[in-house]
Structures are given as structure tokens and as C-alpha cells.
Amino acid sequence: SRTPNSCDIVVWGIANPLSSPTLSAQKAAASGTCAIPPDALQLGGGTPLDTGDQRLYNAVYRNNSVWTAQTINMNFGSGNVSATRWMQINVSSWPSSVSFAQDSTFGADGIWYFYPTLMVDDSNNMGLVLARSSASEYGSAFYSGRLATQPLNALQASALLKPGGANQNLIDSL
């Protein structure tokens, strides 16, 4: 889970689940502010796309690490956009401590990245799928990833998975 308005991550777990279960929490401390992301512009204008909030969209446990991603507010130069923050949290010392093995933000000036989800294989290669839009592109599905042999905190450039077909203007009545 997250701690409100910070980039810290709290990892919850159960020690001794079969004999004497104990629920524990440890915090992986991070610097910075992970604020609510702004809604995204889209080609054709209209109603901005809802980029959600800063919740963690999924978590994967693999090789003594928890991998997860979220959408945050970032300014890469010309104004606030939504960006994807992804993390690998080392839990090999559980329940004593947890720490970030990788903690990086993926985004670009004038482009909104949102709703990330990731998966990791047994070699620690990571794949990431996310939505992307801008004033010059419809909301579309993109992907990225990293090989375990790449430098820490590095992702490959995003690539188009499925282009958006039109401007989205469906307004939720709730």
C-alpha cells in the first residue's frame, strides 16, 4: 500500500502463516511527492481522460521482490502530466526490513501515461502495459519493459500496442 501524499510504499505480509501467524508492515521510504495525476488531454480536445489516482494497480512477487506501478503527477518541463512510477521492492529481509531495488518514473513532456500494469518473469525481465494520450494522439495502449541485464531504473522506449480510434467523450453520470 501507499502512504498518503508521499512516494513511500508500505509492504504488508504474514510471518509464520502456518504456526503462529503475525501480520507485519514495513515501509520502503522514498523521497519526493507522488501527487494525484492530472486528467489527460486527447486528440480532438473535449473532455480530458480520467487518469485515476496514485493507487498501486497491481503487485507481483518474484525472486524476493515485490514489483508494482502507479500513476503520479509530474512536470517534465512545460506543465503537469500523468506519468508512470514503477518500483521493485526488495523483501529478502522480511519481516525485518524492505527497501527499493529500483524506483523510477516513466513519462515525457506533453504526454500523459496512466493506468500501468506490469508482469515479471523468473529472470526479472519486466513488461509494462499502460495507456497514453496527448493533444496530438487519441488515448491508446502502449507497452514498454526492461531486461534484467539493463541498467537499474531503465525502461525501453514505449511502443504502440493498440491505437485509439477516436476522441473519447463518454461522461460518467456518477
C-alpha atoms as a PDB file:
ATOM      1  CA  SER A   1       0.000   0.000   0.000  1.00  0.00           C
ATOM      2  CA  ARG A   2       0.999   3.670  -0.227  1.00  0.00           C
ATOM      3  CA  THR A   3       1.271   6.308   2.399  1.00  0.00           C
ATOM      4  CA  PRO A   4      -0.854   9.382   1.506  1.00  0.00           C
ATOM      5  CA  ASN A   5       0.866  12.169  -0.494  1.00  0.00           C
ATOM      6  CA  SER A   6       4.286  10.537  -0.282  1.00  0.00           C
ATOM      7  CA  CYS A   7       6.210   8.164  -2.503  1.00  0.00           C
ATOM      8  CA  ASP A   8       6.761   5.717   0.389  1.00  0.00           C
ATOM      9  CA  ILE A   9       5.449   2.181  -0.056  1.00  0.00           C
ATOM     10  CA  VAL A  10       4.232   0.048   2.850  1.00  0.00           C
ATOM     11  CA  VAL A  11       4.625  -3.703   2.367  1.00  0.00           C
ATOM     12  CA  TRP A  12       2.285  -5.902   4.394  1.00  0.00           C
ATOM     13  CA  GLY A  13       2.909  -9.587   4.994  1.00  0.00           C
ATOM     14  CA  ILE A  14       2.197 -12.533   7.238  1.00  0.00           C
ATOM     15  CA  ALA A  15       5.085 -14.140   9.093  1.00  0.00           C
ATOM     16  CA  ASN A  16       4.755 -17.779  10.250  1.00  0.00           C
ATOM     17  CA  PRO A  17       1.432 -18.297   8.438  1.00  0.00           C
ATOM     18  CA  LEU A  18       1.045 -21.971   9.452  1.00  0.00           C
ATOM     19  CA  SER A  19       2.232 -21.950  13.064  1.00  0.00           C
ATOM     20  CA  SER A  20       1.604 -18.553  14.654  1.00  0.00           C
ATOM     21  CA  PRO A  21       0.563 -16.019  12.014  1.00  0.00           C
ATOM     22  CA  THR A  22       1.586 -12.422  12.600  1.00  0.00           C
ATOM     23  CA  LEU A  23       0.627  -9.519  10.352  1.00  0.00           C
ATOM     24  CA  SER A  24       3.507  -7.083   9.864  1.00  0.00           C
ATOM     25  CA  ALA A  25       4.173  -3.940   7.860  1.00  0.00           C
ATOM     26  CA  GLN A  26       7.447  -2.386   6.757  1.00  0.00           C
ATOM     27  CA  LYS A  27       7.940   0.908   4.936  1.00  0.00           C
ATOM     28  CA  ALA A  28      10.233   1.435   1.951  1.00  0.00           C
ATOM     29  CA  ALA A  29      10.988   5.149   2.266  1.00  0.00           C
ATOM     30  CA  ALA A  30      11.273   7.279  -0.868  1.00  0.00           C
ATOM     31  CA  SER A  31      11.888  10.943  -1.473  1.00  0.00           C
ATOM     32  CA  GLY A  32       9.567  13.256  -3.366  1.00  0.00           C
ATOM     33  CA  THR A  33       5.833  13.711  -3.602  1.00  0.00           C
ATOM     34  CA  CYS A  34       3.589  11.369  -5.534  1.00  0.00           C
ATOM     35  CA  ALA A  35       0.574  13.616  -6.071  1.00  0.00           C
ATOM     36  CA  ILE A  36      -2.718  12.819  -7.807  1.00  0.00           C
ATOM     37  CA  PRO A  37      -2.174  12.876 -11.585  1.00  0.00           C
ATOM     38  CA  PRO A  38      -3.983  15.407 -13.783  1.00  0.00           C
ATOM     39  CA  ASP A  39      -6.554  14.269 -16.334  1.00  0.00           C
ATOM     40  CA  ALA A  40      -5.106  13.690 -19.802  1.00  0.00           C
ATOM     41  CA  LEU A  41      -5.521  15.728 -22.948  1.00  0.00           C
ATOM     42  CA  GLN A  42      -6.536  13.845 -26.088  1.00  0.00           C
ATOM     43  CA  LEU A  43      -6.574  14.474 -29.813  1.00  0.00           C
ATOM     44  CA  GLY A  44      -9.670  16.449 -30.743  1.00  0.00           C
ATOM     45  CA  GLY A  45      -9.977  18.115 -27.338  1.00  0.00           C
ATOM     46  CA  GLY A  46     -13.213  17.572 -25.476  1.00  0.00           C
ATOM     47  CA  THR A  47     -13.414  16.082 -22.034  1.00  0.00           C
ATOM     48  CA  PRO A  48      -9.978  15.149 -20.632  1.00  0.00           C
ATOM     49  CA  LEU A  49      -9.405  11.450 -19.943  1.00  0.00           C
ATOM     50  CA  ASP A  50      -9.568  10.334 -16.312  1.00  0.00           C
ATOM     51  CA  THR A  51      -6.093   9.121 -15.316  1.00  0.00           C
ATOM     52  CA  GLY A  52      -7.224   7.753 -11.962  1.00  0.00           C
ATOM     53  CA  ASP A  53      -5.272   8.365  -8.791  1.00  0.00           C
ATOM     54  CA  GLN A  54      -1.998   7.213  -7.265  1.00  0.00           C
ATOM     55  CA  ARG A  55      -3.140   3.755  -6.163  1.00  0.00           C
ATOM     56  CA  LEU A  56      -0.960   0.750  -6.947  1.00  0.00           C
ATOM     57  CA  TYR A  57      -2.573  -1.056  -9.868  1.00  0.00           C
ATOM     58  CA  ASN A  58      -1.060  -4.477  -9.358  1.00  0.00           C
ATOM     59  CA  ALA A  59       1.743  -6.116  -7.414  1.00  0.00           C
ATOM     60  CA  VAL A  60       3.868  -9.089  -8.432  1.00  0.00           C
ATOM     61  CA  TYR A  61       6.030 -11.104  -6.035  1.00  0.00           C
ATOM     62  CA  ARG A  62       9.028 -12.623  -7.781  1.00  0.00           C
ATOM     63  CA  ASN A  63      12.521 -13.629  -6.568  1.00  0.00           C
ATOM     64  CA  ASN A  64      12.304 -11.924  -3.148  1.00  0.00           C
ATOM     65  CA  SER A  65      10.970  -8.698  -4.666  1.00  0.00           C
ATOM     66  CA  VAL A  66       7.588  -7.027  -4.956  1.00  0.00           C
ATOM     67  CA  TRP A  67       7.117  -5.160  -8.263  1.00  0.00           C
ATOM     68  CA  THR A  68       4.362  -2.573  -8.669  1.00  0.00           C
ATOM     69  CA  ALA A  69       3.391   0.601 -10.566  1.00  0.00           C
ATOM     70  CA  GLN A  70       1.227   3.672 -10.099  1.00  0.00           C
ATOM     71  CA  THR A  71       0.242   6.892 -11.894  1.00  0.00           C
ATOM     72  CA  ILE A  72       1.593  10.151 -10.467  1.00  0.00           C
ATOM     73  CA  ASN A  73       1.722  13.860 -11.294  1.00  0.00           C
ATOM     74  CA  MET A  74       4.974  15.037 -12.944  1.00  0.00           C
ATOM     75  CA  ASN A  75       6.259  18.138 -14.698  1.00  0.00           C
ATOM     76  CA  PHE A  76       8.866  17.347 -17.351  1.00  0.00           C
ATOM     77  CA  GLY A  77       9.167  20.987 -18.416  1.00  0.00           C
ATOM     78  CA  SER A  78       6.022  22.554 -19.854  1.00  0.00           C
ATOM     79  CA  GLY A  79       3.366  21.612 -17.314  1.00  0.00           C
ATOM     80  CA  ASN A  80       1.895  18.801 -15.281  1.00  0.00           C
ATOM     81  CA  VAL A  81       1.158  15.450 -16.913  1.00  0.00           C
ATOM     82  CA  SER A  82       0.459  11.989 -15.573  1.00  0.00           C
ATOM     83  CA  ALA A  83       3.455   9.657 -15.506  1.00  0.00           C
ATOM     84  CA  THR A  84       4.065   6.056 -14.519  1.00  0.00           C
ATOM     85  CA  ARG A  85       6.142   5.330 -11.449  1.00  0.00           C
ATOM     86  CA  TRP A  86       7.304   1.713 -11.263  1.00  0.00           C
ATOM     87  CA  MET A  87       9.168   0.023  -8.428  1.00  0.00           C
ATOM     88  CA  GLN A  88      10.977  -3.128  -7.425  1.00  0.00           C
ATOM     89  CA  ILE A  89      10.987  -3.534  -3.635  1.00  0.00           C
ATOM     90  CA  ASN A  90      13.494  -5.923  -2.077  1.00  0.00           C
ATOM     91  CA  VAL A  91      11.751  -8.013   0.582  1.00  0.00           C
ATOM     92  CA  SER A  92      14.509 -10.605   1.127  1.00  0.00           C
ATOM     93  CA  SER A  93      14.978  -9.370   4.718  1.00  0.00           C
ATOM     94  CA  TRP A  94      11.257  -9.654   5.553  1.00  0.00           C
ATOM     95  CA  PRO A  95       9.950  -9.093   8.201  1.00  0.00           C
ATOM     96  CA  SER A  96      12.939  -7.032   9.430  1.00  0.00           C
ATOM     97  CA  SER A  97      13.074  -4.533   6.586  1.00  0.00           C
ATOM     98  CA  VAL A  98      12.230  -3.718   2.976  1.00  0.00           C
ATOM     99  CA  SER A  99      13.993  -1.375   0.538  1.00  0.00           C
ATOM    100  CA  PHE A 100      13.789  -0.157  -3.032  1.00  0.00           C
ATOM    101  CA  ALA A 101      15.903  -2.095  -5.520  1.00  0.00           C
ATOM    102  CA  GLN A 102      14.528   0.116  -8.323  1.00  0.00           C
ATOM    103  CA  ASP A 103      12.286   3.191  -8.220  1.00  0.00           C
ATOM    104  CA  SER A 104      11.802   5.093 -11.456  1.00  0.00           C
ATOM    105  CA  THR A 105       9.364   7.391 -13.244  1.00  0.00           C
ATOM    106  CA  PHE A 106       8.446   6.848 -16.896  1.00  0.00           C
ATOM    107  CA  GLY A 107       6.960   9.749 -18.835  1.00  0.00           C
ATOM    108  CA  ALA A 108       7.584  12.634 -21.208  1.00  0.00           C
ATOM    109  CA  ASP A 109       6.825  16.317 -21.606  1.00  0.00           C
ATOM    110  CA  GLY A 110       3.323  16.884 -23.033  1.00  0.00           C
ATOM    111  CA  ILE A 111       2.381  13.181 -22.956  1.00  0.00           C
ATOM    112  CA  TRP A 112       0.142  11.517 -20.346  1.00  0.00           C
ATOM    113  CA  TYR A 113       0.932   7.936 -19.259  1.00  0.00           C
ATOM    114  CA  PHE A 114      -1.617   6.262 -16.985  1.00  0.00           C
ATOM    115  CA  TYR A 115      -3.170   3.001 -15.708  1.00  0.00           C
ATOM    116  CA  PRO A 116       0.051   0.957 -15.719  1.00  0.00           C
ATOM    117  CA  THR A 117       0.210  -2.748 -15.039  1.00  0.00           C
ATOM    118  CA  LEU A 118       3.310  -4.907 -15.051  1.00  0.00           C
ATOM    119  CA  MET A 119       4.475  -8.507 -15.007  1.00  0.00           C
ATOM    120  CA  VAL A 120       7.877 -10.004 -14.209  1.00  0.00           C
ATOM    121  CA  ASP A 121       9.297 -13.352 -15.302  1.00  0.00           C
ATOM    122  CA  ASP A 122      11.540 -15.672 -13.298  1.00  0.00           C
ATOM    123  CA  SER A 123      14.664 -13.958 -14.723  1.00  0.00           C
ATOM    124  CA  ASN A 124      13.458 -10.494 -13.548  1.00  0.00           C
ATOM    125  CA  ASN A 125      12.626  -9.258 -17.050  1.00  0.00           C
ATOM    126  CA  MET A 126       9.697  -6.863 -16.677  1.00  0.00           C
ATOM    127  CA  GLY A 127       6.892  -5.985 -19.100  1.00  0.00           C
ATOM    128  CA  LEU A 128       4.695  -2.906 -18.647  1.00  0.00           C
ATOM    129  CA  VAL A 129       1.390  -2.055 -20.360  1.00  0.00           C
ATOM    130  CA  LEU A 130      -0.160   1.391 -19.973  1.00  0.00           C
ATOM    131  CA  ALA A 131      -2.480   3.947 -21.525  1.00  0.00           C
ATOM    132  CA  ARG A 132      -1.078   7.029 -23.249  1.00  0.00           C
ATOM    133  CA  SER A 133      -2.540  10.159 -24.809  1.00  0.00           C
ATOM    134  CA  SER A 134      -1.624  13.724 -25.737  1.00  0.00           C
ATOM    135  CA  ALA A 135      -3.070  16.732 -27.536  1.00  0.00           C
ATOM    136  CA  SER A 136      -1.903  15.080 -30.775  1.00  0.00           C
ATOM    137  CA  GLU A 137      -2.932  11.441 -30.151  1.00  0.00           C
ATOM    138  CA  TYR A 138      -6.055   9.587 -29.040  1.00  0.00           C
ATOM    139  CA  GLY A 139      -5.951   7.551 -25.860  1.00  0.00           C
ATOM    140  CA  SER A 140      -4.083   4.388 -26.875  1.00  0.00           C
ATOM    141  CA  ALA A 141      -2.480   1.264 -25.404  1.00  0.00           C
ATOM    142  CA  PHE A 142       1.330   1.235 -25.233  1.00  0.00           C
ATOM    143  CA  TYR A 143       3.923  -1.113 -23.794  1.00  0.00           C
ATOM    144  CA  SER A 144       7.466  -0.967 -22.505  1.00  0.00           C
ATOM    145  CA  GLY A 145       9.733  -3.143 -20.440  1.00  0.00           C
ATOM    146  CA  ARG A 146      13.206  -3.903 -19.311  1.00  0.00           C
ATOM    147  CA  LEU A 147      15.582  -6.810 -19.426  1.00  0.00           C
ATOM    148  CA  ALA A 148      17.204  -7.808 -16.148  1.00  0.00           C
ATOM    149  CA  THR A 149      20.573  -7.079 -17.788  1.00  0.00           C
ATOM    150  CA  GLN A 150      19.721  -3.406 -18.423  1.00  0.00           C
ATOM    151  CA  PRO A 151      20.951  -0.674 -16.049  1.00  0.00           C
ATOM    152  CA  LEU A 152      18.810  -0.255 -12.939  1.00  0.00           C
ATOM    153  CA  ASN A 153      15.767   2.050 -13.230  1.00  0.00           C
ATOM    154  CA  ALA A 154      15.883   1.939 -17.043  1.00  0.00           C
ATOM    155  CA  LEU A 155      12.952   1.111 -19.325  1.00  0.00           C
ATOM    156  CA  GLN A 156      12.912   0.693 -23.065  1.00  0.00           C
ATOM    157  CA  ALA A 157      11.091   3.346 -25.107  1.00  0.00           C
ATOM    158  CA  SER A 158       7.328   2.834 -25.231  1.00  0.00           C
ATOM    159  CA  ALA A 159       5.825   1.243 -28.315  1.00  0.00           C
ATOM    160  CA  LEU A 160       2.269   1.293 -29.641  1.00  0.00           C
ATOM    161  CA  LEU A 161       0.200  -1.799 -28.837  1.00  0.00           C
ATOM    162  CA  LYS A 162      -3.248  -0.637 -29.998  1.00  0.00           C
ATOM    163  CA  PRO A 163      -4.029   2.857 -31.307  1.00  0.00           C
ATOM    164  CA  GLY A 164      -7.061   4.758 -30.104  1.00  0.00           C
ATOM    165  CA  GLY A 165      -9.705   5.154 -32.785  1.00  0.00           C
ATOM    166  CA  ALA A 166     -11.464   8.352 -31.765  1.00  0.00           C
ATOM    167  CA  ASN A 167     -11.832  11.120 -29.240  1.00  0.00           C
ATOM    168  CA  GLN A 168     -13.489   9.791 -26.073  1.00  0.00           C
ATOM    169  CA  ASN A 169     -16.321  11.952 -24.729  1.00  0.00           C
ATOM    170  CA  LEU A 170     -18.418   9.494 -22.727  1.00  0.00           C
ATOM    171  CA  ILE A 171     -19.146  11.208 -19.427  1.00  0.00           C
ATOM    172  CA  ASP A 172     -19.835   9.060 -16.389  1.00  0.00           C
ATOM    173  CA  SER A 173     -23.076  10.218 -14.763  1.00  0.00           C
ATOM    174  CA  LEU A 174     -21.902   9.388 -11.217  1.00  0.00           C
END
